[in-house]
Amino acid sequence: NISEGYHYVKLAVSLLDRVGTRENAGEVIFVCTQVRLYVEPLQATLEYHHQGYAAAMASGDSNLAAANLFAFNASKFFAG
């Protein structure tokens, strides 16, 4: 169910902000953005992928940073 998944996305992002640890922020943002694509417009998700890239680079996870960057560029391409 997409609406329940979107509810969990909001919960995960709010917990990420509350806890303050940014160790897994790139992964959380990446997965959450994939769910947000079903609810929010594609153009609105561009900033989330950029945030995920920045968070993954800050934590030193280059693989996830590349995944966020790829998803950002692909979304930007399809958004026009």
N, C-alpha and C. Protein backbone atom coordinates (compact mmCIF):
# COMPACT_ATOMS: atom_id res chain seq x y z
N ASN A 1 0.84 -1.16 0.00
CA ASN A 1 0.00 0.00 0.00
C ASN A 1 0.90 1.24 0.00
N ILE A 2 0.72 2.07 -1.00
CA ILE A 2 1.59 3.23 -1.17
C ILE A 2 1.40 4.27 -0.07
N SER A 3 0.17 4.49 0.35
CA SER A 3 -0.06 5.52 1.39
C SER A 3 0.57 5.11 2.73
N GLU A 4 0.53 3.84 3.05
CA GLU A 4 1.20 3.38 4.28
C GLU A 4 2.72 3.49 4.14
N GLY A 5 3.23 3.15 2.99
CA GLY A 5 4.66 3.28 2.76
C GLY A 5 5.11 4.73 2.86
N TYR A 6 4.30 5.64 2.33
CA TYR A 6 4.62 7.06 2.41
C TYR A 6 4.60 7.53 3.86
N HIS A 7 3.70 6.98 4.66
CA HIS A 7 3.67 7.30 6.09
C HIS A 7 4.98 6.87 6.76
N TYR A 8 5.47 5.68 6.42
CA TYR A 8 6.73 5.20 6.99
C TYR A 8 7.93 6.02 6.50
N VAL A 9 7.83 6.53 5.28
CA VAL A 9 8.89 7.41 4.77
C VAL A 9 8.96 8.67 5.62
N LYS A 10 7.82 9.26 5.89
CA LYS A 10 7.79 10.47 6.72
C LYS A 10 8.35 10.16 8.11
N LEU A 11 8.00 9.00 8.65
CA LEU A 11 8.50 8.59 9.96
C LEU A 11 10.02 8.41 9.94
N ALA A 12 10.53 7.77 8.91
CA ALA A 12 11.98 7.54 8.82
C ALA A 12 12.74 8.85 8.71
N VAL A 13 12.23 9.78 7.92
CA VAL A 13 12.91 11.06 7.76
C VAL A 13 12.85 11.87 9.06
N SER A 14 11.72 11.82 9.75
CA SER A 14 11.63 12.56 11.01
C SER A 14 12.55 11.94 12.07
N LEU A 15 12.66 10.62 12.09
CA LEU A 15 13.59 9.97 13.02
C LEU A 15 15.04 10.30 12.67
N LEU A 16 15.32 10.38 11.40
CA LEU A 16 16.67 10.73 10.97
C LEU A 16 17.04 12.13 11.46
N ASP A 17 16.08 13.05 11.41
CA ASP A 17 16.33 14.41 11.89
C ASP A 17 16.44 14.45 13.41
N ARG A 18 15.63 13.67 14.08
CA ARG A 18 15.64 13.67 15.55
C ARG A 18 16.88 13.03 16.15
N VAL A 19 17.28 11.90 15.60
CA VAL A 19 18.40 11.16 16.17
C VAL A 19 19.71 11.93 15.98
N GLY A 20 19.85 12.55 14.83
CA GLY A 20 21.02 13.38 14.60
C GLY A 20 22.20 12.65 13.98
N THR A 21 22.21 11.34 13.98
CA THR A 21 23.31 10.62 13.35
C THR A 21 23.12 10.62 11.84
N ARG A 22 24.18 10.87 11.13
CA ARG A 22 24.10 10.95 9.67
C ARG A 22 24.83 9.78 9.02
N GLU A 23 25.11 8.75 9.80
CA GLU A 23 25.87 7.61 9.31
C GLU A 23 25.16 6.89 8.17
N ASN A 24 23.86 6.68 8.30
CA ASN A 24 23.07 5.98 7.29
C ASN A 24 22.11 6.90 6.56
N ALA A 25 22.32 8.19 6.65
CA ALA A 25 21.38 9.15 6.08
C ALA A 25 21.28 9.01 4.56
N GLY A 26 22.39 8.75 3.89
CA GLY A 26 22.36 8.61 2.44
C GLY A 26 21.47 7.46 1.99
N GLU A 27 21.55 6.35 2.71
CA GLU A 27 20.73 5.18 2.37
C GLU A 27 19.25 5.43 2.67
N VAL A 28 18.98 6.03 3.82
CA VAL A 28 17.60 6.31 4.19
C VAL A 28 16.96 7.26 3.19
N ILE A 29 17.69 8.31 2.83
CA ILE A 29 17.16 9.29 1.88
C ILE A 29 16.95 8.65 0.51
N PHE A 30 17.88 7.80 0.08
CA PHE A 30 17.75 7.14 -1.21
C PHE A 30 16.49 6.28 -1.28
N VAL A 31 16.30 5.44 -0.29
CA VAL A 31 15.14 4.54 -0.27
C VAL A 31 13.84 5.35 -0.13
N CYS A 32 13.85 6.34 0.74
CA CYS A 32 12.65 7.16 0.94
C CYS A 32 12.27 7.91 -0.33
N THR A 33 13.26 8.35 -1.07
CA THR A 33 12.97 9.08 -2.30
C THR A 33 12.35 8.17 -3.34
N GLN A 34 12.75 6.91 -3.36
CA GLN A 34 12.15 5.98 -4.31
C GLN A 34 10.66 5.78 -4.02
N VAL A 35 10.28 5.79 -2.75
CA VAL A 35 8.86 5.68 -2.39
C VAL A 35 8.14 6.98 -2.69
N ARG A 36 8.81 8.10 -2.43
CA ARG A 36 8.19 9.41 -2.69
C ARG A 36 7.85 9.61 -4.15
N LEU A 37 8.55 8.93 -5.04
CA LEU A 37 8.27 9.05 -6.47
C LEU A 37 6.84 8.64 -6.82
N TYR A 38 6.26 7.78 -6.01
CA TYR A 38 4.89 7.32 -6.27
C TYR A 38 3.84 8.31 -5.77
N VAL A 39 4.25 9.26 -4.92
CA VAL A 39 3.29 10.16 -4.29
C VAL A 39 3.52 11.60 -4.74
N GLU A 40 4.76 12.02 -4.76
CA GLU A 40 5.09 13.41 -5.08
C GLU A 40 5.50 13.53 -6.55
N PRO A 41 5.42 14.74 -7.09
CA PRO A 41 5.88 14.94 -8.48
C PRO A 41 7.37 14.66 -8.61
N LEU A 42 7.77 14.25 -9.79
CA LEU A 42 9.17 13.90 -10.04
C LEU A 42 10.10 15.08 -9.76
N GLN A 43 9.66 16.27 -10.11
CA GLN A 43 10.51 17.45 -9.90
C GLN A 43 10.77 17.70 -8.42
N ALA A 44 9.85 17.31 -7.56
CA ALA A 44 10.00 17.53 -6.12
C ALA A 44 11.03 16.58 -5.51
N THR A 45 11.27 15.45 -6.15
CA THR A 45 12.21 14.47 -5.59
C THR A 45 13.66 14.79 -5.93
N LEU A 46 13.89 15.73 -6.82
CA LEU A 46 15.27 16.04 -7.21
C LEU A 46 16.10 16.51 -6.03
N GLU A 47 15.54 17.36 -5.21
CA GLU A 47 16.30 17.88 -4.07
C GLU A 47 16.62 16.79 -3.06
N TYR A 48 15.74 15.79 -2.93
CA TYR A 48 15.99 14.70 -1.99
C TYR A 48 17.19 13.86 -2.41
N HIS A 49 17.30 13.60 -3.72
CA HIS A 49 18.46 12.84 -4.19
C HIS A 49 19.74 13.63 -3.99
N HIS A 50 19.66 14.94 -4.17
CA HIS A 50 20.84 15.77 -3.95
C HIS A 50 21.25 15.74 -2.47
N GLN A 51 20.26 15.78 -1.58
CA GLN A 51 20.54 15.68 -0.14
C GLN A 51 21.13 14.31 0.20
N GLY A 52 20.61 13.27 -0.43
CA GLY A 52 21.14 11.93 -0.21
C GLY A 52 22.58 11.80 -0.67
N TYR A 53 22.89 12.42 -1.79
CA TYR A 53 24.28 12.42 -2.28
C TYR A 53 25.20 13.11 -1.28
N ALA A 54 24.78 14.28 -0.81
CA ALA A 54 25.60 15.04 0.14
C ALA A 54 25.79 14.26 1.45
N ALA A 55 24.72 13.62 1.92
CA ALA A 55 24.80 12.86 3.17
C ALA A 55 25.69 11.63 3.01
N ALA A 56 25.61 10.95 1.87
CA ALA A 56 26.45 9.78 1.64
C ALA A 56 27.92 10.16 1.52
N MET A 57 28.19 11.27 0.87
CA MET A 57 29.57 11.73 0.76
C MET A 57 30.13 12.14 2.12
N ALA A 58 29.28 12.76 2.94
CA ALA A 58 29.72 13.17 4.28
C ALA A 58 30.05 11.97 5.16
N SER A 59 29.34 10.87 4.95
CA SER A 59 29.62 9.68 5.75
C SER A 59 30.68 8.78 5.11
N GLY A 60 31.12 9.11 3.90
CA GLY A 60 32.17 8.35 3.24
C GLY A 60 31.70 7.17 2.44
N ASP A 61 30.41 7.08 2.17
CA ASP A 61 29.86 5.96 1.41
C ASP A 61 29.78 6.36 -0.07
N SER A 62 30.84 6.10 -0.80
CA SER A 62 30.89 6.54 -2.19
C SER A 62 29.94 5.75 -3.10
N ASN A 63 29.68 4.49 -2.79
CA ASN A 63 28.75 3.71 -3.60
C ASN A 63 27.34 4.28 -3.53
N LEU A 64 26.90 4.58 -2.34
CA LEU A 64 25.57 5.15 -2.18
C LEU A 64 25.50 6.58 -2.71
N ALA A 65 26.60 7.30 -2.60
CA ALA A 65 26.64 8.64 -3.19
C ALA A 65 26.47 8.55 -4.70
N ALA A 66 27.13 7.58 -5.32
CA ALA A 66 26.99 7.39 -6.76
C ALA A 66 25.57 6.98 -7.13
N ALA A 67 24.93 6.14 -6.31
CA ALA A 67 23.54 5.73 -6.58
C ALA A 67 22.61 6.92 -6.49
N ASN A 68 22.80 7.77 -5.49
CA ASN A 68 21.97 8.98 -5.37
C ASN A 68 22.21 9.92 -6.53
N LEU A 69 23.45 10.06 -6.95
CA LEU A 69 23.77 10.93 -8.07
C LEU A 69 23.18 10.40 -9.36
N PHE A 70 23.25 9.08 -9.56
CA PHE A 70 22.65 8.47 -10.75
C PHE A 70 21.14 8.69 -10.76
N ALA A 71 20.50 8.45 -9.62
CA ALA A 71 19.05 8.64 -9.54
C ALA A 71 18.69 10.10 -9.73
N PHE A 72 19.51 11.01 -9.23
CA PHE A 72 19.27 12.45 -9.42
C PHE A 72 19.32 12.80 -10.89
N ASN A 73 20.38 12.33 -11.57
CA ASN A 73 20.54 12.64 -13.00
C ASN A 73 19.45 11.99 -13.84
N ALA A 74 19.08 10.76 -13.54
CA ALA A 74 18.01 10.09 -14.28
C ALA A 74 16.67 10.80 -14.07
N SER A 75 16.39 11.19 -12.83
CA SER A 75 15.15 11.91 -12.56
C SER A 75 15.13 13.26 -13.23
N LYS A 76 16.28 13.92 -13.24
CA LYS A 76 16.36 15.23 -13.88
C LYS A 76 16.15 15.09 -15.39
N PHE A 77 16.68 14.03 -15.97
CA PHE A 77 16.50 13.78 -17.39
C PHE A 77 15.02 13.57 -17.73
N PHE A 78 14.35 12.73 -16.96
CA PHE A 78 12.95 12.43 -17.24
C PHE A 78 12.02 13.57 -16.85
N ALA A 79 12.45 14.43 -15.92
CA ALA A 79 11.62 15.57 -15.53
C ALA A 79 11.65 16.65 -16.61
N GLY A 80 12.67 16.63 -17.42
CA GLY A 80 12.75 17.58 -18.53
C GLY A 80 13.61 18.75 -18.29
